[in-house]
Amino acid sequence: MTFKTSHYCNLFVAAMSTAIFIAHAGSGSKTEAFCKEILSWQKPIYTFDSDYNKNLVEMGARPVNMDNVSLWANLFAANNK
């Protein structure tokens, strides 16, 4: 699979999703650029609340901390049945 086909695959999956969870995206990375594109669609992106993901939160990703990640996952699953 080439970068181009994997990128289009990721875009397709993101388009079909209600929300996206990104564990980490380094500043200036392809993953960060992907997140910017998804956020421009007004789709929510969630990420771990960490200094490592400060760039994502500043772009508009919603932070999830380790204390409430299981609660968040249950609420998200209940809303997508």
N, C-alpha and C. Protein backbone atom coordinates (compact mmCIF):
# COMPACT_ATOMS: atom_id res chain seq x y z
N MET A 1 0.85 -1.17 0.00
CA MET A 1 0.00 0.00 0.00
C MET A 1 0.90 1.23 0.00
N THR A 2 0.58 2.17 -0.83
CA THR A 2 1.37 3.40 -0.91
C THR A 2 0.84 4.42 0.10
N PHE A 3 1.60 5.48 0.30
CA PHE A 3 1.13 6.56 1.19
C PHE A 3 -0.19 7.10 0.68
N LYS A 4 -0.28 7.30 -0.64
CA LYS A 4 -1.49 7.88 -1.21
C LYS A 4 -2.71 7.01 -0.95
N THR A 5 -2.60 5.70 -1.18
CA THR A 5 -3.76 4.84 -0.96
C THR A 5 -4.09 4.72 0.53
N SER A 6 -3.07 4.67 1.38
CA SER A 6 -3.36 4.59 2.82
C SER A 6 -4.00 5.88 3.32
N HIS A 7 -3.58 7.01 2.76
CA HIS A 7 -4.17 8.29 3.13
C HIS A 7 -5.65 8.33 2.75
N TYR A 8 -5.96 7.91 1.54
CA TYR A 8 -7.37 7.88 1.11
C TYR A 8 -8.18 6.89 1.92
N CYS A 9 -7.59 5.78 2.29
CA CYS A 9 -8.27 4.81 3.16
C CYS A 9 -8.58 5.45 4.51
N ASN A 10 -7.61 6.15 5.09
CA ASN A 10 -7.82 6.82 6.37
C ASN A 10 -8.90 7.90 6.26
N LEU A 11 -8.90 8.64 5.17
CA LEU A 11 -9.92 9.67 4.97
C LEU A 11 -11.31 9.05 4.86
N PHE A 12 -11.41 7.94 4.16
CA PHE A 12 -12.69 7.26 4.01
C PHE A 12 -13.21 6.79 5.37
N VAL A 13 -12.36 6.15 6.15
CA VAL A 13 -12.77 5.67 7.47
C VAL A 13 -13.17 6.84 8.36
N ALA A 14 -12.42 7.92 8.32
CA ALA A 14 -12.75 9.10 9.12
C ALA A 14 -14.09 9.70 8.68
N ALA A 15 -14.33 9.73 7.39
CA ALA A 15 -15.59 10.27 6.88
C ALA A 15 -16.78 9.45 7.35
N MET A 16 -16.60 8.16 7.48
CA MET A 16 -17.68 7.26 7.89
C MET A 16 -17.86 7.23 9.41
N SER A 17 -16.92 7.78 10.15
CA SER A 17 -16.93 7.73 11.61
C SER A 17 -17.66 8.91 12.21
N THR A 18 -18.24 8.68 13.38
CA THR A 18 -18.87 9.76 14.12
C THR A 18 -17.83 10.62 14.82
N ALA A 19 -16.80 9.97 15.31
CA ALA A 19 -15.70 10.65 16.00
C ALA A 19 -14.44 9.84 15.79
N ILE A 20 -13.30 10.47 16.01
CA ILE A 20 -12.01 9.83 15.79
C ILE A 20 -11.18 9.96 17.06
N PHE A 21 -10.48 8.89 17.41
CA PHE A 21 -9.56 8.93 18.54
C PHE A 21 -8.14 8.81 17.98
N ILE A 22 -7.30 9.76 18.31
CA ILE A 22 -5.89 9.76 17.92
C ILE A 22 -5.07 9.68 19.20
N ALA A 23 -4.31 8.59 19.36
CA ALA A 23 -3.52 8.42 20.57
C ALA A 23 -2.40 9.45 20.65
N HIS A 24 -1.77 9.76 19.52
CA HIS A 24 -0.68 10.73 19.52
C HIS A 24 -0.41 11.17 18.08
N ALA A 25 -0.08 12.42 17.92
CA ALA A 25 0.37 12.96 16.64
C ALA A 25 1.44 14.00 16.93
N GLY A 26 2.63 13.73 16.50
CA GLY A 26 3.73 14.65 16.72
C GLY A 26 3.53 15.95 15.97
N SER A 27 4.08 17.00 16.51
CA SER A 27 3.99 18.32 15.87
C SER A 27 4.67 18.27 14.51
N GLY A 28 3.93 18.69 13.48
CA GLY A 28 4.47 18.69 12.13
C GLY A 28 4.39 17.35 11.42
N SER A 29 3.77 16.37 12.04
CA SER A 29 3.70 15.02 11.44
C SER A 29 2.55 14.90 10.44
N LYS A 30 2.58 13.82 9.67
CA LYS A 30 1.49 13.53 8.74
C LYS A 30 0.19 13.29 9.49
N THR A 31 0.31 12.68 10.67
CA THR A 31 -0.88 12.43 11.48
C THR A 31 -1.49 13.74 11.94
N GLU A 32 -0.66 14.70 12.32
CA GLU A 32 -1.17 16.01 12.71
C GLU A 32 -1.89 16.68 11.53
N ALA A 33 -1.32 16.58 10.34
CA ALA A 33 -1.95 17.15 9.15
C ALA A 33 -3.30 16.47 8.88
N PHE A 34 -3.35 15.16 9.08
CA PHE A 34 -4.59 14.41 8.93
C PHE A 34 -5.63 14.93 9.92
N CYS A 35 -5.23 15.16 11.16
CA CYS A 35 -6.14 15.68 12.18
C CYS A 35 -6.67 17.06 11.80
N LYS A 36 -5.81 17.92 11.28
CA LYS A 36 -6.26 19.25 10.84
C LYS A 36 -7.34 19.13 9.78
N GLU A 37 -7.15 18.19 8.85
CA GLU A 37 -8.14 18.00 7.79
C GLU A 37 -9.47 17.51 8.38
N ILE A 38 -9.40 16.56 9.29
CA ILE A 38 -10.62 16.01 9.89
C ILE A 38 -11.34 17.09 10.71
N LEU A 39 -10.58 17.87 11.47
CA LEU A 39 -11.20 18.94 12.25
C LEU A 39 -11.87 19.98 11.36
N SER A 40 -11.35 20.18 10.15
CA SER A 40 -11.98 21.13 9.23
C SER A 40 -13.35 20.63 8.77
N TRP A 41 -13.60 19.33 8.91
CA TRP A 41 -14.91 18.75 8.59
C TRP A 41 -15.90 18.90 9.74
N GLN A 42 -15.47 19.47 10.85
CA GLN A 42 -16.28 19.60 12.06
C GLN A 42 -16.54 18.25 12.72
N LYS A 43 -15.65 17.28 12.51
CA LYS A 43 -15.74 15.97 13.17
C LYS A 43 -14.93 16.05 14.46
N PRO A 44 -15.47 15.52 15.55
CA PRO A 44 -14.70 15.56 16.79
C PRO A 44 -13.54 14.57 16.77
N ILE A 45 -12.43 15.04 17.26
CA ILE A 45 -11.25 14.20 17.47
C ILE A 45 -10.97 14.20 18.97
N TYR A 46 -10.71 13.03 19.49
CA TYR A 46 -10.36 12.86 20.89
C TYR A 46 -8.92 12.37 20.96
N THR A 47 -8.24 12.76 22.03
CA THR A 47 -6.87 12.34 22.24
C THR A 47 -6.58 12.29 23.73
N PHE A 48 -5.53 11.58 24.10
CA PHE A 48 -5.14 11.54 25.51
C PHE A 48 -4.75 12.93 25.99
N ASP A 49 -5.19 13.28 27.19
CA ASP A 49 -4.82 14.54 27.81
C ASP A 49 -3.39 14.42 28.31
N SER A 50 -2.47 14.94 27.55
CA SER A 50 -1.05 14.79 27.83
C SER A 50 -0.29 15.96 27.22
N ASP A 51 0.83 16.30 27.83
CA ASP A 51 1.68 17.34 27.24
C ASP A 51 2.14 16.94 25.84
N TYR A 52 2.24 15.63 25.58
CA TYR A 52 2.65 15.15 24.26
C TYR A 52 1.62 15.47 23.18
N ASN A 53 0.38 15.68 23.59
CA ASN A 53 -0.69 15.96 22.63
C ASN A 53 -1.20 17.39 22.71
N LYS A 54 -0.41 18.25 23.32
CA LYS A 54 -0.80 19.66 23.46
C LYS A 54 -1.12 20.28 22.10
N ASN A 55 -0.35 19.91 21.07
CA ASN A 55 -0.58 20.45 19.72
C ASN A 55 -1.97 20.06 19.21
N LEU A 56 -2.41 18.84 19.49
CA LEU A 56 -3.74 18.40 19.03
C LEU A 56 -4.85 19.15 19.78
N VAL A 57 -4.69 19.29 21.08
CA VAL A 57 -5.70 19.98 21.89
C VAL A 57 -5.79 21.44 21.45
N GLU A 58 -4.66 22.07 21.17
CA GLU A 58 -4.67 23.46 20.71
C GLU A 58 -5.35 23.61 19.35
N MET A 59 -5.33 22.55 18.54
CA MET A 59 -6.01 22.57 17.24
C MET A 59 -7.50 22.35 17.38
N GLY A 60 -7.94 21.79 18.51
CA GLY A 60 -9.36 21.55 18.71
C GLY A 60 -9.74 20.14 19.11
N ALA A 61 -8.76 19.26 19.23
CA ALA A 61 -9.05 17.90 19.70
C ALA A 61 -9.50 17.96 21.15
N ARG A 62 -10.36 17.05 21.52
CA ARG A 62 -10.90 17.02 22.88
C ARG A 62 -10.08 16.06 23.73
N PRO A 63 -9.54 16.56 24.84
CA PRO A 63 -8.69 15.70 25.67
C PRO A 63 -9.50 14.71 26.51
N VAL A 64 -8.97 13.51 26.62
CA VAL A 64 -9.55 12.45 27.45
C VAL A 64 -8.44 12.02 28.40
N ASN A 65 -8.73 12.06 29.70
CA ASN A 65 -7.69 11.64 30.64
C ASN A 65 -7.89 10.17 31.02
N MET A 66 -6.87 9.59 31.58
CA MET A 66 -6.89 8.16 31.89
C MET A 66 -7.93 7.83 32.96
N ASP A 67 -8.31 8.79 33.78
CA ASP A 67 -9.30 8.53 34.82
C ASP A 67 -10.71 8.38 34.25
N ASN A 68 -10.99 9.00 33.11
CA ASN A 68 -12.35 8.93 32.57
C ASN A 68 -12.44 8.26 31.20
N VAL A 69 -11.37 7.64 30.75
CA VAL A 69 -11.39 7.05 29.41
C VAL A 69 -12.41 5.92 29.30
N SER A 70 -12.58 5.10 30.32
CA SER A 70 -13.56 4.01 30.22
C SER A 70 -14.97 4.57 30.25
N LEU A 71 -15.24 5.59 31.03
CA LEU A 71 -16.54 6.24 31.04
C LEU A 71 -16.83 6.86 29.68
N TRP A 72 -15.84 7.56 29.11
CA TRP A 72 -15.99 8.15 27.79
C TRP A 72 -16.30 7.09 26.75
N ALA A 73 -15.58 5.98 26.78
CA ALA A 73 -15.79 4.91 25.79
C ALA A 73 -17.19 4.32 25.92
N ASN A 74 -17.68 4.14 27.13
CA ASN A 74 -19.03 3.61 27.32
C ASN A 74 -20.09 4.58 26.82
N LEU A 75 -19.92 5.87 27.10
CA LEU A 75 -20.88 6.87 26.61
C LEU A 75 -20.87 6.95 25.09
N PHE A 76 -19.67 6.89 24.52
CA PHE A 76 -19.55 6.95 23.07
C PHE A 76 -20.22 5.74 22.42
N ALA A 77 -20.00 4.56 23.00
CA ALA A 77 -20.60 3.33 22.46
C ALA A 77 -22.13 3.39 22.56
N ALA A 78 -22.63 3.91 23.67
CA ALA A 78 -24.08 3.99 23.86
C ALA A 78 -24.72 4.95 22.86
N ASN A 79 -24.03 6.00 22.50
CA ASN A 79 -24.56 6.99 21.55
C ASN A 79 -24.47 6.53 20.11
N ASN A 80 -23.74 5.45 19.85
CA ASN A 80 -23.55 5.00 18.48
C ASN A 80 -24.19 3.65 18.20
N LYS A 81 -25.20 3.30 18.96
CA LYS A 81 -25.92 2.04 18.71
C LYS A 81 -26.98 2.24 17.68
